[in-house]
């Protein structure tokens, strides 16, 4: 009886031991695996997306700045929304997603600030510009703003003054020179400054008023004259973080980078004037 008991009890002991070992091993693996499992969401959350709504004239410069920033901030994905400053302002007012707003004039940023849509203390001027009169490369005879009154000049392209800062500056210059009334019937209004440039490049307009930075990126037009700065409001590019942003800290960091030496070098390359 004793012999049979000891033989039958031995497998039971082994089974208990096996269960204990298996349980201990499972507990150990769980303990090791737990930090790995819980760390995955943290990695996912570290990837940040920013939407920058910016004046169309900044396109080439900002696109070149993006990879420079991502050299040290590879987890930050930056998307640009380029357009006229007035249109971008309206988009933000209507709730469109945006983390940073960069206008080509203070008027649009002032409006958003007055409505409480910007983060206090984030406003900053990142660049300045100049307004120029341009014509297609093969055009002769237009030598000054006053040439725009000539009968040979049929169409003059400018931005829509109510929503496009370049158009606002253009109107100020033409009014200051006292030729606005005489050339008004020739004006063709564009939705942004790049459309003005395209109109002159294609020959659909005999002349146009754009920023000097726009003129520098085209080999199809030539600059006739640069407008005297006393004839228009200061051409500045104010930036601010949008209060509705879900990534305010990341937006602040990128905003600060746009005032760094690296970013300034790019703006200068494209003809912008540093503040």
C-alpha atoms as a PDB file:
ATOM      1  CA  UNK A   1       0.000   0.000   0.000  1.00  0.00           C
ATOM      2  CA  UNK A   2       2.771   2.423   0.945  1.00  0.00           C
ATOM      3  CA  UNK A   3       4.598   1.591  -2.296  1.00  0.00           C
ATOM      4  CA  UNK A   4       1.505   2.235  -4.411  1.00  0.00           C
ATOM      5  CA  UNK A   5       0.815   5.504  -2.574  1.00  0.00           C
ATOM      6  CA  UNK A   6       4.351   6.845  -3.095  1.00  0.00           C
ATOM      7  CA  UNK A   7       4.285   5.934  -6.811  1.00  0.00           C
ATOM      8  CA  UNK A   8       0.920   7.615  -7.423  1.00  0.00           C
ATOM      9  CA  UNK A   9       1.782  10.742  -5.402  1.00  0.00           C
ATOM     10  CA  UNK A  10       5.013  11.475  -7.298  1.00  0.00           C
ATOM     11  CA  UNK A  11       3.376  12.623 -10.572  1.00  0.00           C
ATOM     12  CA  UNK A  12       1.032  14.874  -8.587  1.00  0.00           C
ATOM     13  CA  UNK A  13       4.005  16.585  -6.937  1.00  0.00           C
ATOM     14  CA  UNK A  14       5.653  17.011 -10.302  1.00  0.00           C
ATOM     15  CA  UNK A  15       2.498  18.476 -11.757  1.00  0.00           C
ATOM     16  CA  UNK A  16       2.266  20.958  -8.874  1.00  0.00           C
ATOM     17  CA  UNK A  17       5.897  21.881  -9.336  1.00  0.00           C
ATOM     18  CA  UNK A  18       5.379  22.349 -13.063  1.00  0.00           C
ATOM     19  CA  UNK A  19       2.368  24.596 -12.398  1.00  0.00           C
ATOM     20  CA  UNK A  20       4.400  26.677  -9.932  1.00  0.00           C
ATOM     21  CA  UNK A  21       7.300  27.030 -12.407  1.00  0.00           C
ATOM     22  CA  UNK A  22       4.933  27.927 -15.263  1.00  0.00           C
ATOM     23  CA  UNK A  23       3.153  30.517 -13.099  1.00  0.00           C
ATOM     24  CA  UNK A  24       6.451  32.033 -11.965  1.00  0.00           C
ATOM     25  CA  UNK A  25       7.729  32.166 -15.549  1.00  0.00           C
ATOM     26  CA  UNK A  26       4.528  33.773 -16.800  1.00  0.00           C
ATOM     27  CA  UNK A  27       4.714  36.355 -14.004  1.00  0.00           C
ATOM     28  CA  UNK A  28       8.332  37.116 -14.912  1.00  0.00           C
ATOM     29  CA  UNK A  29       7.540  37.495 -18.612  1.00  0.00           C
ATOM     30  CA  UNK A  30       4.598  39.741 -17.791  1.00  0.00           C
ATOM     31  CA  UNK A  31       6.782  41.889 -15.577  1.00  0.00           C
ATOM     32  CA  UNK A  32       9.383  42.199 -18.342  1.00  0.00           C
ATOM     33  CA  UNK A  33       6.852  42.760 -21.091  1.00  0.00           C
ATOM     34  CA  UNK A  34       4.688  45.284 -19.247  1.00  0.00           C
ATOM     35  CA  UNK A  35       6.981  48.321 -19.696  1.00  0.00           C
ATOM     36  CA  UNK A  36       7.330  47.492 -23.399  1.00  0.00           C
ATOM     37  CA  UNK A  37       3.574  47.369 -23.846  1.00  0.00           C
ATOM     38  CA  UNK A  38       2.921  50.587 -21.930  1.00  0.00           C
ATOM     39  CA  UNK A  39       5.703  52.518 -23.711  1.00  0.00           C
ATOM     40  CA  UNK A  40       4.144  52.180 -27.183  1.00  0.00           C
ATOM     41  CA  UNK A  41       1.428  54.822 -26.665  1.00  0.00           C
ATOM     42  CA  UNK A  42       4.065  57.259 -25.369  1.00  0.00           C
ATOM     43  CA  UNK A  43       6.054  56.878 -28.588  1.00  0.00           C
ATOM     44  CA  UNK A  44       2.919  57.459 -30.639  1.00  0.00           C
ATOM     45  CA  UNK A  45       2.022  60.562 -28.644  1.00  0.00           C
ATOM     46  CA  UNK A  46       5.483  62.059 -29.218  1.00  0.00           C
ATOM     47  CA  UNK A  47       4.718  62.485 -32.920  1.00  0.00           C
ATOM     48  CA  UNK A  48       3.314  65.991 -33.364  1.00  0.00           C
ATOM     49  CA  UNK A  49       1.607  67.586 -36.360  1.00  0.00           C
ATOM     50  CA  UNK A  50       1.545  71.344 -36.944  1.00  0.00           C
ATOM     51  CA  UNK A  51      -0.487  73.266 -39.515  1.00  0.00           C
ATOM     52  CA  UNK A  52       1.031  76.614 -40.480  1.00  0.00           C
ATOM     53  CA  UNK A  53      -1.287  79.001 -42.327  1.00  0.00           C
ATOM     54  CA  UNK A  54       1.036  81.432 -44.079  1.00  0.00           C
ATOM     55  CA  UNK A  55       1.008  84.207 -46.672  1.00  0.00           C
ATOM     56  CA  UNK A  56       1.629  82.872 -50.194  1.00  0.00           C
ATOM     57  CA  UNK A  57       4.767  84.978 -50.622  1.00  0.00           C
ATOM     58  CA  UNK A  58       6.506  82.904 -47.927  1.00  0.00           C
ATOM     59  CA  UNK A  59       6.079  79.586 -49.758  1.00  0.00           C
ATOM     60  CA  UNK A  60       9.620  78.848 -50.987  1.00  0.00           C
ATOM     61  CA  UNK A  61      11.339  80.119 -47.851  1.00  0.00           C
ATOM     62  CA  UNK A  62       9.136  78.175 -45.436  1.00  0.00           C
ATOM     63  CA  UNK A  63       9.402  74.987 -47.472  1.00  0.00           C
ATOM     64  CA  UNK A  64      13.197  75.231 -47.282  1.00  0.00           C
ATOM     65  CA  UNK A  65      13.091  75.918 -43.538  1.00  0.00           C
ATOM     66  CA  UNK A  66      10.953  72.845 -42.800  1.00  0.00           C
ATOM     67  CA  UNK A  67      13.682  70.162 -43.279  1.00  0.00           C
ATOM     68  CA  UNK A  68      16.172  72.312 -41.356  1.00  0.00           C
ATOM     69  CA  UNK A  69      13.848  72.263 -38.358  1.00  0.00           C
ATOM     70  CA  UNK A  70      13.174  68.547 -38.682  1.00  0.00           C
ATOM     71  CA  UNK A  71      16.882  67.762 -38.466  1.00  0.00           C
ATOM     72  CA  UNK A  72      16.556  68.222 -34.705  1.00  0.00           C
ATOM     73  CA  UNK A  73      12.783  67.722 -34.431  1.00  0.00           C
ATOM     74  CA  UNK A  74      12.170  64.673 -36.603  1.00  0.00           C
ATOM     75  CA  UNK A  75       8.992  63.829 -34.678  1.00  0.00           C
ATOM     76  CA  UNK A  76       7.301  67.101 -35.724  1.00  0.00           C
ATOM     77  CA  UNK A  77       5.358  66.958 -38.978  1.00  0.00           C
ATOM     78  CA  UNK A  78       4.725  70.399 -40.493  1.00  0.00           C
ATOM     79  CA  UNK A  79       1.994  71.066 -43.051  1.00  0.00           C
ATOM     80  CA  UNK A  80       1.642  74.432 -44.782  1.00  0.00           C
ATOM     81  CA  UNK A  81      -1.542  76.144 -45.867  1.00  0.00           C
ATOM     82  CA  UNK A  82      -0.569  78.986 -48.208  1.00  0.00           C
ATOM     83  CA  UNK A  83      -2.953  81.707 -49.369  1.00  0.00           C
ATOM     84  CA  UNK A  84      -3.836  85.358 -49.074  1.00  0.00           C
ATOM     85  CA  UNK A  85      -3.583  86.669 -45.535  1.00  0.00           C
ATOM     86  CA  UNK A  86      -7.222  87.795 -45.551  1.00  0.00           C
ATOM     87  CA  UNK A  87      -8.503  84.394 -46.669  1.00  0.00           C
ATOM     88  CA  UNK A  88      -6.385  82.615 -44.054  1.00  0.00           C
ATOM     89  CA  UNK A  89      -7.668  84.975 -41.369  1.00  0.00           C
ATOM     90  CA  UNK A  90     -11.260  84.124 -42.305  1.00  0.00           C
ATOM     91  CA  UNK A  91     -10.489  80.397 -42.255  1.00  0.00           C
ATOM     92  CA  UNK A  92      -9.156  80.656 -38.703  1.00  0.00           C
ATOM     93  CA  UNK A  93     -12.147  82.746 -37.618  1.00  0.00           C
ATOM     94  CA  UNK A  94     -14.450  80.068 -39.024  1.00  0.00           C
ATOM     95  CA  UNK A  95     -12.704  77.304 -37.079  1.00  0.00           C
ATOM     96  CA  UNK A  96     -10.395  75.814 -39.688  1.00  0.00           C
ATOM     97  CA  UNK A  97      -7.473  73.890 -38.129  1.00  0.00           C
ATOM     98  CA  UNK A  98      -4.311  75.957 -37.728  1.00  0.00           C
ATOM     99  CA  UNK A  99      -1.539  76.052 -35.145  1.00  0.00           C
ATOM    100  CA  UNK A 100       0.392  79.077 -36.419  1.00  0.00           C
ATOM    101  CA  UNK A 101      -0.680  82.074 -38.508  1.00  0.00           C
ATOM    102  CA  UNK A 102       1.820  84.164 -40.495  1.00  0.00           C
ATOM    103  CA  UNK A 103       0.365  87.171 -42.281  1.00  0.00           C
ATOM    104  CA  UNK A 104       1.900  89.575 -44.798  1.00  0.00           C
ATOM    105  CA  UNK A 105       0.450  92.515 -42.849  1.00  0.00           C
ATOM    106  CA  UNK A 106      -0.462  93.391 -39.273  1.00  0.00           C
ATOM    107  CA  UNK A 107      -4.126  94.033 -40.105  1.00  0.00           C
ATOM    108  CA  UNK A 108      -5.117  90.355 -40.213  1.00  0.00           C
ATOM    109  CA  UNK A 109      -3.202  89.421 -37.049  1.00  0.00           C
ATOM    110  CA  UNK A 110      -4.697  92.444 -35.269  1.00  0.00           C
ATOM    111  CA  UNK A 111      -8.180  91.219 -36.164  1.00  0.00           C
ATOM    112  CA  UNK A 112      -7.564  87.716 -34.779  1.00  0.00           C
ATOM    113  CA  UNK A 113      -5.928  89.115 -31.662  1.00  0.00           C
ATOM    114  CA  UNK A 114      -8.895  91.396 -30.980  1.00  0.00           C
ATOM    115  CA  UNK A 115     -11.207  88.379 -31.196  1.00  0.00           C
ATOM    116  CA  UNK A 116      -9.125  86.478 -28.655  1.00  0.00           C
ATOM    117  CA  UNK A 117      -8.089  83.776 -31.126  1.00  0.00           C
ATOM    118  CA  UNK A 118      -4.325  84.033 -30.593  1.00  0.00           C
ATOM    119  CA  UNK A 119      -2.084  82.918 -27.739  1.00  0.00           C
ATOM    120  CA  UNK A 120      -0.965  85.971 -25.776  1.00  0.00           C
ATOM    121  CA  UNK A 121       2.739  86.726 -25.988  1.00  0.00           C
ATOM    122  CA  UNK A 122       3.441  84.660 -29.132  1.00  0.00           C
ATOM    123  CA  UNK A 123       3.196  87.487 -31.649  1.00  0.00           C
ATOM    124  CA  UNK A 124       6.449  88.264 -33.434  1.00  0.00           C
ATOM    125  CA  UNK A 125       7.670  89.833 -36.704  1.00  0.00           C
ATOM    126  CA  UNK A 126       9.807  87.334 -38.632  1.00  0.00           C
ATOM    127  CA  UNK A 127      10.538  89.283 -41.854  1.00  0.00           C
ATOM    128  CA  UNK A 128       9.919  92.380 -43.954  1.00  0.00           C
ATOM    129  CA  UNK A 129       9.527  92.949 -47.694  1.00  0.00           C
ATOM    130  CA  UNK A 130       9.447  95.572 -50.474  1.00  0.00           C
ATOM    131  CA  UNK A 131       6.831  96.239 -53.157  1.00  0.00           C
ATOM    132  CA  UNK A 132       7.914  96.393 -56.807  1.00  0.00           C
ATOM    133  CA  UNK A 133       6.377  97.143 -60.201  1.00  0.00           C
ATOM    134  CA  UNK A 134       7.035  94.289 -62.626  1.00  0.00           C
ATOM    135  CA  UNK A 135       6.404  93.708 -66.336  1.00  0.00           C
ATOM    136  CA  UNK A 136       6.921  90.760 -68.706  1.00  0.00           C
ATOM    137  CA  UNK A 137      10.584  90.381 -69.592  1.00  0.00           C
ATOM    138  CA  UNK A 138      10.167  91.464 -73.233  1.00  0.00           C
ATOM    139  CA  UNK A 139       8.089  94.578 -72.486  1.00  0.00           C
ATOM    140  CA  UNK A 140       9.680  98.001 -73.048  1.00  0.00           C
ATOM    141  CA  UNK A 141       8.300 101.472 -72.509  1.00  0.00           C
ATOM    142  CA  UNK A 142       7.129 101.081 -68.923  1.00  0.00           C
ATOM    143  CA  UNK A 143       9.761 102.880 -66.889  1.00  0.00           C
ATOM    144  CA  UNK A 144       7.911 104.092 -63.799  1.00  0.00           C
ATOM    145  CA  UNK A 145       4.592 103.966 -61.972  1.00  0.00           C
ATOM    146  CA  UNK A 146       3.467 106.937 -64.050  1.00  0.00           C
ATOM    147  CA  UNK A 147       3.871 104.837 -67.212  1.00  0.00           C
ATOM    148  CA  UNK A 148       0.825 102.877 -66.049  1.00  0.00           C
ATOM    149  CA  UNK A 149      -1.333 105.804 -67.236  1.00  0.00           C
ATOM    150  CA  UNK A 150      -0.207 105.279 -70.853  1.00  0.00           C
ATOM    151  CA  UNK A 151      -2.812 104.068 -73.332  1.00  0.00           C
ATOM    152  CA  UNK A 152      -0.548 101.144 -74.300  1.00  0.00           C
ATOM    153  CA  UNK A 153      -0.987  99.689 -70.823  1.00  0.00           C
ATOM    154  CA  UNK A 154      -4.324  97.841 -70.844  1.00  0.00           C
ATOM    155  CA  UNK A 155      -4.211  95.609 -67.760  1.00  0.00           C
ATOM    156  CA  UNK A 156      -2.486  96.058 -64.394  1.00  0.00           C
ATOM    157  CA  UNK A 157      -2.614  93.146 -61.957  1.00  0.00           C
ATOM    158  CA  UNK A 158      -2.732  93.711 -58.202  1.00  0.00           C
ATOM    159  CA  UNK A 159      -4.011  91.731 -55.246  1.00  0.00           C
ATOM    160  CA  UNK A 160      -7.555  92.341 -54.055  1.00  0.00           C
ATOM    161  CA  UNK A 161      -6.903  95.190 -51.551  1.00  0.00           C
ATOM    162  CA  UNK A 162      -9.558  94.024 -49.075  1.00  0.00           C
ATOM    163  CA  UNK A 163      -7.992  90.588 -48.515  1.00  0.00           C
ATOM    164  CA  UNK A 164      -4.515  90.611 -50.066  1.00  0.00           C
ATOM    165  CA  UNK A 165      -1.912  92.745 -48.265  1.00  0.00           C
ATOM    166  CA  UNK A 166       0.115  93.214 -51.482  1.00  0.00           C
ATOM    167  CA  UNK A 167      -3.012  94.683 -53.052  1.00  0.00           C
ATOM    168  CA  UNK A 168      -3.517  96.950 -50.067  1.00  0.00           C
ATOM    169  CA  UNK A 169       0.056  98.229 -50.378  1.00  0.00           C
ATOM    170  CA  UNK A 170      -0.376  98.637 -54.148  1.00  0.00           C
ATOM    171  CA  UNK A 171      -3.481 100.765 -53.690  1.00  0.00           C
ATOM    172  CA  UNK A 172      -1.684 102.931 -51.123  1.00  0.00           C
ATOM    173  CA  UNK A 173       1.207 103.552 -53.543  1.00  0.00           C
ATOM    174  CA  UNK A 174      -1.039 104.380 -56.507  1.00  0.00           C
ATOM    175  CA  UNK A 175      -3.139 106.718 -54.352  1.00  0.00           C
ATOM    176  CA  UNK A 176      -0.057 108.408 -52.921  1.00  0.00           C
ATOM    177  CA  UNK A 177       1.244 108.999 -56.459  1.00  0.00           C
ATOM    178  CA  UNK A 178      -2.216 110.353 -57.366  1.00  0.00           C
ATOM    179  CA  UNK A 179      -2.732 107.948 -60.256  1.00  0.00           C
ATOM    180  CA  UNK A 180      -5.201 105.501 -58.648  1.00  0.00           C
ATOM    181  CA  UNK A 181      -8.257 107.119 -60.244  1.00  0.00           C
ATOM    182  CA  UNK A 182      -6.627 107.206 -63.688  1.00  0.00           C
ATOM    183  CA  UNK A 183      -5.575 103.540 -63.694  1.00  0.00           C
ATOM    184  CA  UNK A 184      -8.476 102.036 -61.726  1.00  0.00           C
ATOM    185  CA  UNK A 185     -10.335 100.880 -64.861  1.00  0.00           C
ATOM    186  CA  UNK A 186      -7.235  98.897 -65.937  1.00  0.00           C
ATOM    187  CA  UNK A 187      -6.867  96.996 -62.675  1.00  0.00           C
ATOM    188  CA  UNK A 188      -7.261  93.232 -62.597  1.00  0.00           C
ATOM    189  CA  UNK A 189      -7.647  91.896 -59.036  1.00  0.00           C
ATOM    190  CA  UNK A 190      -6.082  88.598 -57.945  1.00  0.00           C
ATOM    191  CA  UNK A 191      -6.794  86.361 -54.929  1.00  0.00           C
ATOM    192  CA  UNK A 192      -3.154  86.383 -53.810  1.00  0.00           C
ATOM    193  CA  UNK A 193       0.172  87.885 -54.802  1.00  0.00           C
ATOM    194  CA  UNK A 194       1.297  84.737 -56.649  1.00  0.00           C
ATOM    195  CA  UNK A 195      -1.673  85.066 -58.992  1.00  0.00           C
ATOM    196  CA  UNK A 196      -0.519  88.608 -59.745  1.00  0.00           C
ATOM    197  CA  UNK A 197       2.932  87.269 -60.601  1.00  0.00           C
ATOM    198  CA  UNK A 198       1.429  84.530 -62.806  1.00  0.00           C
ATOM    199  CA  UNK A 199      -0.672  87.092 -64.700  1.00  0.00           C
ATOM    200  CA  UNK A 200       2.398  89.147 -65.556  1.00  0.00           C
ATOM    201  CA  UNK A 201       4.469  86.071 -66.429  1.00  0.00           C
ATOM    202  CA  UNK A 202       1.823  84.839 -68.861  1.00  0.00           C
ATOM    203  CA  UNK A 203       1.349  88.270 -70.456  1.00  0.00           C
ATOM    204  CA  UNK A 204      -2.294  88.407 -69.352  1.00  0.00           C
ATOM    205  CA  UNK A 205      -1.343  91.627 -67.571  1.00  0.00           C
ATOM    206  CA  UNK A 206       0.961  94.323 -68.933  1.00  0.00           C
ATOM    207  CA  UNK A 207       2.253  95.088 -65.453  1.00  0.00           C
ATOM    208  CA  UNK A 208       1.719  94.107 -61.835  1.00  0.00           C
ATOM    209  CA  UNK A 209       2.664  94.978 -58.281  1.00  0.00           C
ATOM    210  CA  UNK A 210       4.251  92.177 -56.269  1.00  0.00           C
ATOM    211  CA  UNK A 211       6.833  91.755 -53.542  1.00  0.00           C
ATOM    212  CA  UNK A 212      10.490  91.823 -54.454  1.00  0.00           C
ATOM    213  CA  UNK A 213      10.752  88.259 -53.149  1.00  0.00           C
ATOM    214  CA  UNK A 214       8.171  87.151 -55.734  1.00  0.00           C
ATOM    215  CA  UNK A 215      10.111  88.880 -58.505  1.00  0.00           C
ATOM    216  CA  UNK A 216      13.302  87.083 -57.474  1.00  0.00           C
ATOM    217  CA  UNK A 217      11.846  83.607 -58.064  1.00  0.00           C
ATOM    218  CA  UNK A 218      10.738  84.345 -61.649  1.00  0.00           C
ATOM    219  CA  UNK A 219      12.868  84.597 -64.783  1.00  0.00           C
ATOM    220  CA  UNK A 220       9.910  85.631 -66.926  1.00  0.00           C
ATOM    221  CA  UNK A 221       9.479  89.129 -65.548  1.00  0.00           C
ATOM    222  CA  UNK A 222      11.646  92.138 -64.757  1.00  0.00           C
ATOM    223  CA  UNK A 223      11.474  94.793 -62.062  1.00  0.00           C
ATOM    224  CA  UNK A 224      10.767  98.316 -63.297  1.00  0.00           C
ATOM    225  CA  UNK A 225      10.935 100.172 -59.991  1.00  0.00           C
ATOM    226  CA  UNK A 226      10.755  99.580 -56.238  1.00  0.00           C
ATOM    227  CA  UNK A 227       8.062 101.535 -54.413  1.00  0.00           C
ATOM    228  CA  UNK A 228       9.305 104.095 -51.913  1.00  0.00           C
ATOM    229  CA  UNK A 229       8.493 102.798 -48.418  1.00  0.00           C
ATOM    230  CA  UNK A 230       7.031 106.167 -47.452  1.00  0.00           C
ATOM    231  CA  UNK A 231       4.189 105.549 -49.908  1.00  0.00           C
ATOM    232  CA  UNK A 232       2.743 102.507 -48.106  1.00  0.00           C
ATOM    233  CA  UNK A 233       2.344 100.900 -44.701  1.00  0.00           C
ATOM    234  CA  UNK A 234       5.328  98.855 -43.446  1.00  0.00           C
ATOM    235  CA  UNK A 235       5.426  95.467 -45.187  1.00  0.00           C
ATOM    236  CA  UNK A 236       5.906  93.094 -42.300  1.00  0.00           C
ATOM    237  CA  UNK A 237       5.200  89.422 -41.581  1.00  0.00           C
ATOM    238  CA  UNK A 238       3.766  89.031 -38.079  1.00  0.00           C
ATOM    239  CA  UNK A 239       3.417  85.534 -36.660  1.00  0.00           C
ATOM    240  CA  UNK A 240       1.305  84.233 -33.775  1.00  0.00           C
ATOM    241  CA  UNK A 241       0.202  80.898 -32.323  1.00  0.00           C
ATOM    242  CA  UNK A 242      -3.503  80.132 -32.704  1.00  0.00           C
ATOM    243  CA  UNK A 243      -5.245  79.580 -29.370  1.00  0.00           C
ATOM    244  CA  UNK A 244      -7.264  76.658 -30.757  1.00  0.00           C
ATOM    245  CA  UNK A 245      -4.047  74.697 -31.407  1.00  0.00           C
ATOM    246  CA  UNK A 246      -3.806  71.289 -29.744  1.00  0.00           C
ATOM    247  CA  UNK A 247      -0.005  71.528 -29.789  1.00  0.00           C
ATOM    248  CA  UNK A 248       0.691  74.982 -28.387  1.00  0.00           C
ATOM    249  CA  UNK A 249       4.138  74.143 -26.978  1.00  0.00           C
ATOM    250  CA  UNK A 250       5.299  72.616 -30.276  1.00  0.00           C
ATOM    251  CA  UNK A 251       3.867  75.603 -32.141  1.00  0.00           C
ATOM    252  CA  UNK A 252       5.787  77.966 -29.868  1.00  0.00           C
ATOM    253  CA  UNK A 253       9.027  76.039 -30.492  1.00  0.00           C
ATOM    254  CA  UNK A 254       8.649  76.199 -34.284  1.00  0.00           C
ATOM    255  CA  UNK A 255       7.727  79.883 -34.062  1.00  0.00           C
ATOM    256  CA  UNK A 256      10.930  80.541 -32.155  1.00  0.00           C
ATOM    257  CA  UNK A 257      12.928  78.617 -34.756  1.00  0.00           C
ATOM    258  CA  UNK A 258      11.617  80.964 -37.456  1.00  0.00           C
ATOM    259  CA  UNK A 259      13.559  83.737 -35.712  1.00  0.00           C
ATOM    260  CA  UNK A 260      16.752  81.671 -35.406  1.00  0.00           C
ATOM    261  CA  UNK A 261      19.941  82.341 -37.375  1.00  0.00           C
ATOM    262  CA  UNK A 262      19.257  79.282 -39.560  1.00  0.00           C
ATOM    263  CA  UNK A 263      15.821  80.530 -40.557  1.00  0.00           C
ATOM    264  CA  UNK A 264      17.019  84.105 -41.024  1.00  0.00           C
ATOM    265  CA  UNK A 265      19.638  82.906 -43.498  1.00  0.00           C
ATOM    266  CA  UNK A 266      16.897  81.298 -45.605  1.00  0.00           C
ATOM    267  CA  UNK A 267      14.658  84.378 -45.496  1.00  0.00           C
ATOM    268  CA  UNK A 268      17.605  86.538 -46.539  1.00  0.00           C
ATOM    269  CA  UNK A 269      18.416  84.144 -49.404  1.00  0.00           C
ATOM    270  CA  UNK A 270      14.944  84.708 -50.848  1.00  0.00           C
ATOM    271  CA  UNK A 271      15.195  88.473 -50.590  1.00  0.00           C
ATOM    272  CA  UNK A 272      13.299  89.110 -47.376  1.00  0.00           C
ATOM    273  CA  UNK A 273      14.518  91.873 -45.115  1.00  0.00           C
ATOM    274  CA  UNK A 274      15.313  90.803 -41.566  1.00  0.00           C
ATOM    275  CA  UNK A 275      13.482  92.696 -38.822  1.00  0.00           C
END
